[in-house]
Amino acid sequence: MHPILRQVSCYHRTSLSYYSYILDRCWTIKSLDFVKITHAQLIKVGFNTHTFLGNRSLDVYFQFGTVDDALKVFDDIYYKNCISWNICLKGLFRHGCLERVRMVFDQMPLRDVVTWNSMISGFLSHGLVNYALGLYLKMQNAGVRPNQYTFSILVSLASCVYQGKQIHGCIIRNVLDLSNVVLGNSLITMYGKLGHVDYAFGVFLTMVKVDTISWNSLIWGCYRSGYGELALDQFYLMRTTQHKPDQFTMSTVISICCNMRDLNKGRGFGEKAMELFVLMLKENLKPTEFTFSSILSSVSGILPADQGSQIHSSVVKMGVESDAIVSSSLVQMYSKVGLIDYAMKVFVNMSEKDLISWNTMIIGLTHNGYVFKALEIFKEMVAKGSQPDRITLFGVLLACNYGNLVDEGIQVFSSMEHEYGIIPEYEHHLCIIDLLSGVGKLEEAMNIIAEVPFEPSFMLWRAVLCCSNVHMDLNLVESVAEKMMEIKPKSSLPYLVLAEAYEIRGRWESVIRVREAMKRHCINETVECSWIGIKNHVYTFKADQLLHHGGEEIYLILKLLFWQMEEAGYI
């Protein structure tokens, strides 16, 4: 016989504490059968009606998810105190039994503040915000005074600053000061979420005591309000206090730096994210999966690829390589820095591939020119039963576009809705229009533009205009260029393409007219640029700066290569 069963069957019938211990042990070993055997013994010795053991059995049954058994235990309890009713409410909420919750609540002979808090938070967790607010009003009408936990729940309900200030005023009227850290942190989080960092600072400065969570709330609130650099300032200020940044704080600040980099706030934030990641390792704070995902996005954006390999080593060392989020981030990082073979190795070794993993690999292969391999991966994905989404089909259409695979692209675009249940959106239309325009099928491209369910954008017209002028009728060039000028009057692109179209056809007076129009409207030609990271330095190349980087020698080598190609019979 199992030791637990032996103890249950032989232990003295008057030991309430030991039966409670046995129930705890049953939950620890996750055995519902042992719970039922223990409960049967309670019934046998007449302890099933005892309030203390009844409450304990009730809680254990709810934790195992056996709601009907829990309610039977609840009915057997001879004297139900407030704790009994509250355990029952929380258990029913946990398993989504909202109708039964209402029935139990209506039957309660006495309701304390814990009861009302459980009801408000329970309905809030199920998305019933208005019902939760209504319960708060009923709580006041019933004469039950809210405590700090009530208001901690309520501040999460505020959808605007007006509501937030009302709740804050209620806290003051109920003579609840900010000596309670939980309440103060909730207010800071609320004002930060609502975009009022000045109020968040006001609460923070008036708190009697702050903790690490207080600083985290303030840092994240600054960022949510659009003050990213202020959030970083608060982080560095926090490091000078007794509250040292923990794992969550470091992960939050790294994420802020990466997001600011993505918002084109400057390359320096990507480098700062990497510095903070190194600091996190030095202080023996273990990065989470989301930390790795954030920092890998910085590498794929601007930092050198060798730093990405170093982070990959840390991923392996900490044993999180099997995590789908981390693996997908590694695939994306290696794809963006051009190491597609490494990306494929990570992808192939993934134990479980989710939709994000498939999408990342398809788009990564496409951007690196492996369009046929991208289509193979898509076919493999469908064959294994994964349902593609709009991002998947965008990646497939992009592969068709890059590979000039017209028939395949048209087939995928036309079958999106009836085969996959996905209505083509803006990015799908842009891909197919770019594909058709690039191979000279302008009539088909214009037909699709005429049928788009939205107003054609600058980029859609750009896809048509930037195709070879050899394919394009001059009247169409002029018409499309005019539409683009209306949408973006300061863009130089339509003027330049129009001037090129006139130049190809020898209409020099029209070329001069276009150039004069550019000067008249103060339109400057946009200079494109690219960059490459080598070791610890990033080199930027502008389109008009080639001669500053040894351009003459480059052209000489290029001519030599052309000559050798012609000698070998290549055209």
Protein backbone atom coordinates (compact mmCIF):
# COMPACT_ATOMS: atom_id res chain seq x y z
CA MET A 1 0.00 0.00 0.00
CA HIS A 2 1.17 3.55 -0.72
CA PRO A 3 2.58 5.26 2.42
CA ILE A 4 -0.03 8.04 2.22
CA LEU A 5 -2.89 5.53 2.11
CA ARG A 6 -1.40 3.61 5.03
CA GLN A 7 -1.19 6.80 7.06
CA VAL A 8 -4.78 7.75 6.22
CA SER A 9 -6.18 4.35 7.20
CA CYS A 10 -4.31 4.01 10.47
CA TYR A 11 -4.03 7.55 11.85
CA HIS A 12 -6.08 8.59 14.87
CA ARG A 13 -9.53 9.89 13.93
CA THR A 14 -9.30 13.08 16.00
CA SER A 15 -6.21 14.59 14.31
CA LEU A 16 -7.51 17.48 12.16
CA SER A 17 -4.04 18.86 11.42
CA TYR A 18 -2.80 15.56 10.07
CA TYR A 19 -5.73 15.19 7.69
CA SER A 20 -4.93 18.69 6.46
CA TYR A 21 -1.30 17.59 5.97
CA ILE A 22 -2.46 14.53 4.01
CA LEU A 23 -4.59 16.72 1.70
CA ASP A 24 -1.58 18.98 1.08
CA ARG A 25 0.55 15.93 0.23
CA CYS A 26 -2.11 14.71 -2.22
CA TRP A 27 -1.96 18.06 -4.02
CA THR A 28 1.85 18.02 -4.01
CA ILE A 29 2.00 14.65 -5.77
CA LYS A 30 -0.91 15.70 -8.05
CA SER A 31 -3.06 12.67 -7.27
CA LEU A 32 -6.83 13.16 -7.44
CA ASP A 33 -7.37 9.49 -6.52
CA PHE A 34 -5.58 9.98 -3.20
CA VAL A 35 -7.69 13.10 -2.56
CA LYS A 36 -10.88 11.08 -3.01
CA ILE A 37 -9.60 8.28 -0.76
CA THR A 38 -8.67 10.83 1.91
CA HIS A 39 -12.07 12.50 1.55
CA ALA A 40 -13.78 9.11 1.91
CA GLN A 41 -11.88 8.61 5.17
CA LEU A 42 -13.05 12.06 6.32
CA ILE A 43 -16.65 11.02 5.66
CA LYS A 44 -16.05 7.73 7.50
CA VAL A 45 -14.82 9.45 10.65
CA GLY A 46 -17.33 12.31 10.35
CA PHE A 47 -14.83 15.10 9.62
CA ASN A 48 -16.28 16.01 6.22
CA THR A 49 -18.67 18.49 7.86
CA HIS A 50 -15.89 20.19 9.82
CA THR A 51 -15.34 23.76 8.62
CA PHE A 52 -11.51 23.70 8.60
CA LEU A 53 -11.13 20.34 6.77
CA GLY A 54 -14.13 21.11 4.56
CA ASN A 55 -12.53 24.35 3.39
CA ARG A 56 -9.23 22.53 2.76
CA SER A 57 -10.95 19.75 0.76
CA LEU A 58 -12.98 22.34 -1.15
CA ASP A 59 -9.84 24.22 -2.19
CA VAL A 60 -8.01 21.02 -3.27
CA TYR A 61 -10.93 19.79 -5.39
CA PHE A 62 -11.13 23.18 -7.14
CA GLN A 63 -7.39 23.07 -7.80
CA PHE A 64 -7.85 19.71 -9.52
CA GLY A 65 -10.70 21.17 -11.57
CA THR A 66 -13.41 18.79 -10.28
CA VAL A 67 -16.09 21.44 -9.78
CA ASP A 68 -18.99 19.04 -9.04
CA ASP A 69 -17.02 17.21 -6.35
CA ALA A 70 -16.01 20.56 -4.86
CA LEU A 71 -19.63 21.71 -4.67
CA LYS A 72 -20.60 18.44 -2.93
CA VAL A 73 -17.92 19.12 -0.32
CA PHE A 74 -19.25 22.67 0.00
CA ASP A 75 -22.80 21.41 0.63
CA ASP A 76 -21.54 18.99 3.34
CA ILE A 77 -19.83 21.69 5.43
CA TYR A 78 -22.03 22.12 8.47
CA TYR A 79 -20.96 25.65 9.41
CA LYS A 80 -19.93 27.70 6.39
CA ASN A 81 -17.94 30.76 7.36
CA CYS A 82 -16.94 33.60 5.03
CA ILE A 83 -13.77 31.74 4.10
CA SER A 84 -15.85 28.80 2.82
CA TRP A 85 -17.99 31.02 0.60
CA ASN A 86 -14.95 32.94 -0.70
CA ILE A 87 -13.05 29.75 -1.59
CA CYS A 88 -16.13 28.57 -3.49
CA LEU A 89 -16.40 31.87 -5.39
CA LYS A 90 -12.72 31.92 -6.38
CA GLY A 91 -12.84 28.27 -7.47
CA LEU A 92 -15.91 28.82 -9.64
CA PHE A 93 -14.32 31.90 -11.22
CA ARG A 94 -11.16 29.90 -11.94
CA HIS A 95 -13.17 27.43 -14.00
CA GLY A 96 -15.43 29.99 -15.71
CA CYS A 97 -18.67 28.98 -13.96
CA LEU A 98 -20.11 32.51 -13.92
CA GLU A 99 -23.75 31.55 -13.51
CA ARG A 100 -22.94 29.41 -10.49
CA VAL A 101 -20.88 32.30 -9.10
CA ARG A 102 -23.95 34.55 -9.20
CA MET A 103 -26.07 31.86 -7.48
CA VAL A 104 -23.51 31.32 -4.70
CA PHE A 105 -23.07 35.08 -4.24
CA ASP A 106 -26.83 35.62 -3.93
CA GLN A 107 -27.06 32.85 -1.28
CA MET A 108 -24.29 34.26 0.93
CA PRO A 109 -25.59 35.26 4.37
CA LEU A 110 -22.60 37.54 5.00
CA ARG A 111 -20.21 39.25 2.61
CA ASP A 112 -16.89 40.72 3.68
CA VAL A 113 -14.44 42.89 1.72
CA VAL A 114 -12.64 39.76 0.44
CA THR A 115 -15.93 38.57 -1.07
CA TRP A 116 -16.45 41.80 -2.97
CA ASN A 117 -12.80 41.89 -4.10
CA SER A 118 -13.12 38.32 -5.39
CA MET A 119 -16.27 39.20 -7.32
CA ILE A 120 -14.82 42.39 -8.86
CA SER A 121 -11.50 40.80 -9.87
CA GLY A 122 -13.23 37.61 -11.05
CA PHE A 123 -15.59 39.36 -13.46
CA LEU A 124 -12.78 41.66 -14.58
CA SER A 125 -10.62 38.63 -15.45
CA HIS A 126 -13.45 37.44 -17.73
CA GLY A 127 -13.65 40.80 -19.53
CA LEU A 128 -16.88 41.96 -17.90
CA VAL A 129 -15.59 45.43 -16.99
CA ASN A 130 -18.96 47.18 -16.65
CA TYR A 131 -20.29 44.40 -14.43
CA ALA A 132 -17.18 44.67 -12.24
CA LEU A 133 -17.68 48.45 -11.88
CA GLY A 134 -21.33 47.87 -11.01
CA LEU A 135 -20.28 45.50 -8.22
CA TYR A 136 -18.03 48.20 -6.79
CA LEU A 137 -21.03 50.56 -6.57
CA LYS A 138 -23.10 47.81 -4.90
CA MET A 139 -20.25 47.24 -2.47
CA GLN A 140 -20.38 50.91 -1.43
CA ASN A 141 -24.17 50.79 -1.12
CA ALA A 142 -23.84 47.70 1.10
CA GLY A 143 -21.68 49.73 3.49
CA VAL A 144 -18.53 47.65 2.97
CA ARG A 145 -15.44 49.84 3.04
CA PRO A 146 -12.96 49.16 0.20
CA ASN A 147 -9.39 48.30 1.15
CA GLN A 148 -6.13 48.79 -0.74
CA TYR A 149 -6.65 45.59 -2.73
CA THR A 150 -10.05 46.79 -3.91
CA PHE A 151 -8.48 49.93 -5.33
CA SER A 152 -5.56 47.97 -6.79
CA ILE A 153 -8.18 46.06 -8.79
CA LEU A 154 -10.12 49.20 -9.74
CA VAL A 155 -7.14 51.13 -11.12
CA SER A 156 -6.71 48.44 -13.76
CA LEU A 157 -10.26 49.24 -14.95
CA ALA A 158 -9.54 52.89 -15.76
CA SER A 159 -9.81 53.49 -19.50
CA CYS A 160 -9.18 57.25 -19.40
CA VAL A 161 -7.53 59.83 -17.16
CA TYR A 162 -10.93 61.04 -15.91
CA GLN A 163 -11.76 57.59 -14.53
CA GLY A 164 -8.25 57.26 -13.12
CA LYS A 165 -8.52 60.52 -11.23
CA GLN A 166 -11.93 59.49 -9.88
CA ILE A 167 -10.47 56.27 -8.48
CA HIS A 168 -7.48 58.18 -7.11
CA GLY A 169 -9.90 60.58 -5.41
CA CYS A 170 -11.80 57.65 -3.85
CA ILE A 171 -8.52 56.40 -2.40
CA ILE A 172 -7.88 59.77 -0.78
CA ARG A 173 -11.47 60.04 0.51
CA ASN A 174 -11.18 56.62 2.12
CA VAL A 175 -8.13 57.92 4.01
CA LEU A 176 -5.84 55.38 2.37
CA ASP A 177 -2.38 56.89 2.13
CA LEU A 178 0.39 55.61 -0.09
CA SER A 179 2.19 53.74 2.66
CA ASN A 180 0.88 50.63 0.91
CA VAL A 181 3.39 49.83 -1.83
CA VAL A 182 0.96 47.69 -3.86
CA LEU A 183 -1.55 50.53 -4.09
CA GLY A 184 1.07 53.10 -5.05
CA ASN A 185 2.53 50.81 -7.71
CA SER A 186 -0.94 50.23 -9.15
CA LEU A 187 -1.51 53.99 -9.47
CA ILE A 188 1.89 54.50 -11.14
CA THR A 189 1.11 51.70 -13.61
CA MET A 190 -2.35 53.16 -14.30
CA TYR A 191 -1.10 56.70 -15.04
CA GLY A 192 1.73 55.33 -17.15
CA LYS A 193 -0.71 53.23 -19.17
CA LEU A 194 -2.93 56.27 -19.69
CA GLY A 195 0.02 58.35 -20.91
CA HIS A 196 0.24 60.80 -17.99
CA VAL A 197 3.76 60.36 -16.72
CA ASP A 198 3.57 63.58 -14.68
CA TYR A 199 0.86 62.06 -12.48
CA ALA A 200 2.86 58.83 -12.24
CA PHE A 201 5.85 60.85 -10.99
CA GLY A 202 3.58 62.66 -8.52
CA VAL A 203 2.46 59.35 -7.00
CA PHE A 204 6.01 57.98 -6.96
CA LEU A 205 7.39 61.03 -5.13
CA THR A 206 4.65 60.95 -2.47
CA MET A 207 5.01 57.24 -1.68
CA VAL A 208 6.26 56.60 1.83
CA LYS A 209 8.14 53.52 0.67
CA VAL A 210 9.10 52.31 -2.79
CA ASP A 211 10.40 48.96 -3.98
CA THR A 212 11.82 47.52 -7.20
CA ILE A 213 8.33 47.11 -8.63
CA SER A 214 7.72 50.85 -8.05
CA TRP A 215 10.76 51.69 -10.15
CA ASN A 216 9.72 49.18 -12.83
CA SER A 217 6.25 50.72 -13.01
CA LEU A 218 7.70 54.23 -13.32
CA ILE A 219 10.23 53.19 -16.00
CA TRP A 220 7.62 51.40 -18.09
CA GLY A 221 5.12 54.24 -17.56
CA CYS A 222 7.66 56.78 -18.91
CA TYR A 223 8.16 54.65 -22.00
CA ARG A 224 4.42 54.04 -22.52
CA SER A 225 3.90 57.81 -22.36
CA GLY A 226 6.43 58.36 -25.16
CA TYR A 227 9.38 59.37 -22.96
CA GLY A 228 11.83 56.59 -23.78
CA GLU A 229 14.96 58.51 -22.87
CA LEU A 230 13.37 59.61 -19.59
CA ALA A 231 12.69 55.92 -18.85
CA LEU A 232 16.38 55.16 -19.34
CA ASP A 233 17.29 58.08 -17.07
CA GLN A 234 15.09 56.61 -14.33
CA PHE A 235 16.79 53.25 -14.80
CA TYR A 236 20.23 54.74 -14.27
CA LEU A 237 18.90 56.71 -11.29
CA MET A 238 17.50 53.49 -9.84
CA ARG A 239 20.97 51.93 -10.00
CA THR A 240 22.21 54.59 -7.58
CA THR A 241 19.61 53.63 -4.94
CA GLN A 242 19.35 50.62 -2.67
CA HIS A 243 16.89 49.01 -5.12
CA LYS A 244 19.15 47.28 -7.60
CA PRO A 245 17.64 46.30 -10.98
CA ASP A 246 16.38 42.74 -11.03
CA GLN A 247 15.84 40.35 -13.93
CA PHE A 248 12.52 41.94 -14.88
CA THR A 249 13.90 45.49 -14.76
CA MET A 250 16.85 44.66 -17.01
CA SER A 251 14.63 42.81 -19.48
CA THR A 252 12.21 45.76 -19.54
CA VAL A 253 14.92 48.35 -20.22
CA ILE A 254 16.54 46.19 -22.92
CA SER A 255 13.12 45.84 -24.57
CA ILE A 256 12.65 49.63 -24.38
CA CYS A 257 16.02 50.23 -26.09
CA CYS A 258 15.19 47.72 -28.84
CA ASN A 259 11.75 49.24 -29.42
CA MET A 260 13.22 52.73 -29.61
CA ARG A 261 15.70 51.47 -32.20
CA ASP A 262 12.81 50.00 -34.21
CA LEU A 263 11.05 53.37 -34.03
CA ASN A 264 14.03 54.97 -35.85
CA LYS A 265 15.19 56.77 -32.73
CA GLY A 266 18.80 56.11 -33.68
CA ARG A 267 21.36 53.37 -33.98
CA GLY A 268 22.73 54.15 -30.53
CA PHE A 269 19.79 52.51 -28.78
CA GLY A 270 20.59 49.16 -30.37
CA GLU A 271 24.14 49.42 -29.08
CA LYS A 272 22.85 50.49 -25.64
CA ALA A 273 20.60 47.42 -25.56
CA MET A 274 23.67 45.27 -26.16
CA GLU A 275 25.58 47.06 -23.39
CA LEU A 276 22.72 46.43 -20.95
CA PHE A 277 22.58 42.78 -21.98
CA VAL A 278 26.28 42.40 -21.16
CA LEU A 279 25.69 44.19 -17.84
CA MET A 280 22.85 41.79 -17.09
CA LEU A 281 25.16 38.81 -17.56
CA LYS A 282 27.88 40.39 -15.43
CA GLU A 283 25.43 40.86 -12.56
CA ASN A 284 24.39 37.18 -12.78
CA LEU A 285 20.83 37.98 -13.83
CA LYS A 286 19.52 35.24 -16.09
CA PRO A 287 17.98 36.61 -19.31
CA THR A 288 14.48 35.43 -20.12
CA GLU A 289 13.28 34.16 -23.49
CA PHE A 290 11.85 37.61 -24.21
CA THR A 291 15.17 39.25 -23.32
CA PHE A 292 16.95 37.10 -25.89
CA SER A 293 14.25 37.82 -28.45
CA SER A 294 14.60 41.59 -27.91
CA ILE A 295 18.40 41.67 -28.03
CA LEU A 296 18.56 39.47 -31.12
CA SER A 297 16.35 41.99 -32.93
CA SER A 298 19.05 44.61 -32.27
CA VAL A 299 21.70 42.39 -33.83
CA SER A 300 19.61 41.72 -36.90
CA GLY A 301 18.97 45.42 -37.32
CA ILE A 302 22.33 47.14 -37.01
CA LEU A 303 24.92 45.40 -34.81
CA PRO A 304 27.61 43.12 -36.34
CA ALA A 305 26.76 39.48 -36.98
CA ASP A 306 29.53 38.15 -34.70
CA GLN A 307 27.67 39.61 -31.71
CA GLY A 308 24.67 37.58 -32.80
CA SER A 309 26.79 34.43 -32.70
CA GLN A 310 27.94 35.31 -29.19
CA ILE A 311 24.33 35.71 -28.08
CA HIS A 312 23.53 32.36 -29.71
CA SER A 313 26.26 30.83 -27.55
CA SER A 314 24.61 32.31 -24.45
CA VAL A 315 21.27 30.86 -25.58
CA VAL A 316 22.80 27.38 -25.83
CA LYS A 317 24.66 27.77 -22.51
CA MET A 318 21.45 28.71 -20.68
CA GLY A 319 19.45 25.93 -22.27
CA VAL A 320 16.69 28.01 -23.91
CA GLU A 321 17.47 27.15 -27.53
CA SER A 322 14.41 24.89 -27.69
CA ASP A 323 12.08 27.79 -26.89
CA ALA A 324 10.04 28.69 -29.99
CA ILE A 325 10.35 32.46 -29.43
CA VAL A 326 14.15 32.32 -29.06
CA SER A 327 14.59 29.96 -32.01
CA SER A 328 12.47 32.16 -34.27
CA SER A 329 14.49 35.20 -33.19
CA LEU A 330 17.72 33.35 -34.05
CA VAL A 331 16.35 32.44 -37.47
CA GLN A 332 15.37 36.06 -38.07
CA MET A 333 18.73 37.38 -36.87
CA TYR A 334 20.81 35.05 -39.06
CA SER A 335 18.53 35.72 -42.03
CA LYS A 336 18.83 39.49 -41.74
CA VAL A 337 22.63 39.42 -41.56
CA GLY A 338 22.82 37.11 -44.58
CA LEU A 339 23.84 33.88 -42.80
CA ILE A 340 20.96 31.89 -44.21
CA ASP A 341 22.70 28.52 -43.74
CA TYR A 342 22.91 29.13 -39.97
CA ALA A 343 19.25 30.18 -39.98
CA MET A 344 18.31 26.92 -41.70
CA LYS A 345 20.28 24.88 -39.15
CA VAL A 346 18.42 26.51 -36.26
CA PHE A 347 15.09 26.04 -38.07
CA VAL A 348 15.69 22.37 -38.89
CA ASN A 349 16.74 21.59 -35.29
CA MET A 350 13.60 23.13 -33.79
CA SER A 351 11.65 20.41 -31.96
CA GLU A 352 8.34 22.20 -32.48
CA LYS A 353 7.69 24.75 -35.20
CA ASP A 354 4.89 27.23 -34.64
CA LEU A 355 3.42 29.61 -37.20
CA ILE A 356 5.91 32.35 -36.33
CA SER A 357 8.81 29.96 -36.99
CA TRP A 358 7.49 28.99 -40.43
CA ASN A 359 6.81 32.61 -41.37
CA THR A 360 10.24 33.78 -40.21
CA MET A 361 12.01 31.10 -42.26
CA ILE A 362 9.96 31.73 -45.42
CA ILE A 363 10.54 35.50 -45.31
CA GLY A 364 14.20 35.04 -44.37
CA LEU A 365 14.85 32.77 -47.36
CA THR A 366 13.00 35.20 -49.63
CA HIS A 367 15.04 38.23 -48.55
CA ASN A 368 18.24 36.27 -49.17
CA GLY A 369 17.21 35.29 -52.71
CA TYR A 370 16.31 31.63 -52.03
CA VAL A 371 12.82 31.98 -53.47
CA PHE A 372 12.42 28.36 -54.57
CA LYS A 373 13.52 27.11 -51.16
CA ALA A 374 11.01 29.50 -49.56
CA LEU A 375 8.22 27.98 -51.66
CA GLU A 376 9.39 24.49 -50.67
CA ILE A 377 9.20 25.42 -46.99
CA PHE A 378 5.68 26.76 -47.57
CA LYS A 379 4.60 23.48 -49.19
CA GLU A 380 6.18 21.54 -46.31
CA MET A 381 4.32 23.72 -43.82
CA VAL A 382 0.94 23.08 -45.46
CA ALA A 383 1.69 19.36 -45.79
CA LYS A 384 2.32 19.15 -42.03
CA GLY A 385 -1.07 20.66 -41.27
CA SER A 386 -0.10 24.20 -40.26
CA GLN A 387 -2.66 26.77 -41.39
CA PRO A 388 -1.00 29.79 -43.06
CA ASP A 389 -1.98 33.31 -42.08
CA ARG A 390 -1.73 36.62 -43.92
CA ILE A 391 1.98 36.97 -43.06
CA THR A 392 2.72 33.52 -44.50
CA LEU A 393 1.01 34.35 -47.79
CA PHE A 394 2.73 37.72 -47.90
CA GLY A 395 6.07 35.89 -47.67
CA VAL A 396 5.04 33.50 -50.45
CA LEU A 397 3.91 36.36 -52.72
CA LEU A 398 7.12 38.22 -51.95
CA ALA A 399 9.11 35.13 -53.02
CA CYS A 400 7.14 34.99 -56.27
CA ASN A 401 7.80 38.71 -56.77
CA TYR A 402 11.55 38.42 -56.18
CA GLY A 403 11.78 35.37 -58.45
CA ASN A 404 9.50 36.79 -61.20
CA LEU A 405 7.31 33.71 -60.77
CA VAL A 406 4.21 35.22 -62.34
CA ASP A 407 2.03 32.12 -62.69
CA GLU A 408 2.77 30.96 -59.15
CA GLY A 409 2.13 34.44 -57.76
CA ILE A 410 -1.22 34.80 -59.53
CA GLN A 411 -2.26 31.32 -58.42
CA VAL A 412 -1.48 32.08 -54.74
CA PHE A 413 -3.12 35.52 -54.85
CA SER A 414 -6.30 34.27 -56.51
CA SER A 415 -6.66 31.32 -54.11
CA MET A 416 -6.07 33.20 -50.85
CA GLU A 417 -9.71 33.67 -49.89
CA HIS A 418 -11.37 30.44 -51.02
CA GLU A 419 -8.47 28.08 -50.14
CA TYR A 420 -7.07 29.65 -46.96
CA GLY A 421 -9.90 31.94 -45.86
CA ILE A 422 -7.68 35.05 -45.95
CA ILE A 423 -8.90 38.21 -47.67
CA PRO A 424 -5.99 39.91 -49.53
CA GLU A 425 -4.85 43.03 -47.70
CA TYR A 426 -2.67 45.97 -48.67
CA GLU A 427 0.68 44.15 -48.58
CA HIS A 428 -0.65 41.27 -50.73
CA HIS A 429 -1.94 43.70 -53.37
CA LEU A 430 1.39 45.53 -53.34
CA CYS A 431 3.31 42.29 -53.97
CA ILE A 432 1.18 41.11 -56.87
CA ILE A 433 1.06 44.58 -58.50
CA ASP A 434 4.84 44.89 -58.18
CA LEU A 435 5.25 41.42 -59.71
CA LEU A 436 2.95 42.09 -62.68
CA SER A 437 4.40 45.54 -63.32
CA GLY A 438 7.96 44.25 -63.21
CA VAL A 439 7.33 41.79 -66.06
CA GLY A 440 5.40 44.28 -68.17
CA LYS A 441 1.86 43.05 -67.43
CA LEU A 442 0.67 46.60 -66.79
CA GLU A 443 -2.91 46.04 -67.88
CA GLU A 444 -3.36 43.23 -65.32
CA ALA A 445 -1.69 45.38 -62.66
CA MET A 446 -4.00 48.32 -63.38
CA ASN A 447 -7.03 46.01 -63.26
CA ILE A 448 -6.06 44.88 -59.76
CA ILE A 449 -5.53 48.49 -58.64
CA ALA A 450 -9.01 49.33 -59.94
CA GLU A 451 -10.50 46.58 -57.74
CA VAL A 452 -8.64 47.18 -54.47
CA PRO A 453 -11.05 47.75 -51.54
CA PHE A 454 -9.18 50.88 -50.43
CA GLU A 455 -7.81 54.10 -51.86
CA PRO A 456 -4.64 53.28 -53.88
CA SER A 457 -1.60 54.47 -51.94
CA PHE A 458 1.66 56.07 -53.03
CA MET A 459 3.45 52.71 -52.81
CA LEU A 460 0.92 50.97 -55.08
CA TRP A 461 1.37 53.59 -57.78
CA ARG A 462 5.13 53.47 -57.19
CA ALA A 463 5.12 49.74 -57.99
CA VAL A 464 3.59 50.53 -61.39
CA LEU A 465 5.70 53.60 -62.11
CA CYS A 466 9.06 52.03 -61.23
CA CYS A 467 8.76 49.22 -63.79
CA SER A 468 10.79 49.46 -66.97
CA ASN A 469 9.79 52.48 -69.06
CA VAL A 470 10.12 50.29 -72.15
CA HIS A 471 6.89 48.50 -71.14
CA MET A 472 4.99 51.62 -70.22
CA ASP A 473 2.89 53.93 -72.36
CA LEU A 474 3.87 57.58 -71.86
CA ASN A 475 0.29 58.61 -71.13
CA LEU A 476 0.18 56.01 -68.35
CA VAL A 477 3.50 57.26 -66.95
CA GLU A 478 2.14 60.81 -66.85
CA SER A 479 -1.16 59.71 -65.29
CA VAL A 480 0.47 57.62 -62.55
CA ALA A 481 3.11 60.29 -61.83
CA GLU A 482 0.35 62.89 -61.44
CA LYS A 483 -1.51 60.68 -58.92
CA MET A 484 1.70 60.17 -56.92
CA MET A 485 2.37 63.94 -56.88
CA GLU A 486 -1.11 64.50 -55.44
CA ILE A 487 -0.53 61.98 -52.64
CA LYS A 488 3.06 63.07 -51.79
CA PRO A 489 3.74 66.50 -53.29
CA LYS A 490 7.29 66.64 -51.90
CA SER A 491 8.45 63.26 -53.22
CA SER A 492 11.11 63.45 -55.94
CA LEU A 493 10.36 59.96 -57.30
CA PRO A 494 7.50 60.74 -59.74
CA TYR A 495 9.43 63.71 -61.16
CA LEU A 496 12.59 61.65 -61.71
CA VAL A 497 10.76 58.74 -63.37
CA LEU A 498 8.78 61.14 -65.55
CA ALA A 499 12.00 62.92 -66.57
CA GLU A 500 13.59 59.57 -67.43
CA ALA A 501 10.56 58.57 -69.52
CA TYR A 502 10.83 61.83 -71.51
CA GLU A 503 14.59 61.38 -71.88
CA ILE A 504 14.22 57.85 -73.29
CA ARG A 505 11.81 59.19 -75.90
CA GLY A 506 14.00 62.21 -76.75
CA ARG A 507 11.59 64.82 -75.45
CA TRP A 508 14.24 67.13 -74.05
CA GLU A 509 11.97 70.14 -73.59
CA SER A 510 9.71 68.04 -71.35
CA VAL A 511 12.74 66.90 -69.35
CA ILE A 512 13.70 70.54 -68.72
CA ARG A 513 10.10 71.34 -67.74
CA VAL A 514 10.11 68.56 -65.15
CA ARG A 515 13.44 69.72 -63.73
CA GLU A 516 12.18 73.31 -63.50
CA ALA A 517 9.02 72.08 -61.74
CA MET A 518 11.19 70.31 -59.16
CA LYS A 519 13.10 73.53 -58.48
CA ARG A 520 9.88 75.55 -58.32
CA HIS A 521 8.38 73.21 -55.72
CA CYS A 522 11.69 73.03 -53.77
CA ILE A 523 11.98 69.27 -54.25
CA ASN A 524 15.41 67.77 -53.61
CA GLU A 525 16.49 64.42 -55.02
CA THR A 526 16.49 61.76 -52.32
CA VAL A 527 19.91 60.19 -51.82
CA GLU A 528 19.62 56.53 -50.88
CA CYS A 529 22.14 54.84 -48.62
CA SER A 530 23.10 51.45 -47.27
CA TRP A 531 25.33 50.28 -44.45
CA ILE A 532 27.43 47.28 -43.56
CA GLY A 533 28.78 46.21 -40.18
CA ILE A 534 32.39 44.97 -40.07
CA LYS A 535 33.64 43.92 -36.64
CA ASN A 536 32.79 46.82 -34.31
CA HIS A 537 32.26 49.53 -36.92
CA VAL A 538 29.29 50.32 -39.15
CA TYR A 539 30.11 51.85 -42.56
CA THR A 540 27.49 53.96 -44.32
CA PHE A 541 27.48 54.34 -48.12
CA LYS A 542 25.39 57.03 -49.77
CA ALA A 543 24.50 56.80 -53.45
CA ASP A 544 26.47 59.95 -54.25
CA GLN A 545 29.55 59.03 -52.20
CA LEU A 546 30.97 56.12 -54.16
CA LEU A 547 34.12 58.00 -55.25
CA HIS A 548 34.91 58.75 -51.59
CA HIS A 549 35.28 55.01 -50.91
CA GLY A 550 37.69 54.08 -53.70
CA GLY A 551 35.07 54.25 -56.45
CA GLU A 552 37.56 54.66 -59.29
CA GLU A 553 39.29 51.39 -58.42
CA ILE A 554 35.90 49.68 -58.09
CA TYR A 555 34.92 50.78 -61.60
CA LEU A 556 38.27 49.62 -63.00
CA ILE A 557 37.80 46.16 -61.46
CA LEU A 558 34.22 46.10 -62.75
CA LYS A 559 35.41 46.85 -66.30
CA LEU A 560 38.01 44.09 -65.99
CA LEU A 561 35.32 41.64 -64.92
CA PHE A 562 33.12 42.68 -67.87
CA TRP A 563 36.03 42.13 -70.24
CA GLN A 564 36.75 38.66 -68.81
CA MET A 565 33.06 37.76 -69.05
CA GLU A 566 32.94 38.78 -72.71
CA GLU A 567 36.13 36.81 -73.40
CA ALA A 568 34.49 33.74 -71.84
CA GLY A 569 31.45 34.13 -74.09
CA TYR A 570 29.00 35.58 -71.56
CA ILE A 571 26.80 38.52 -72.51
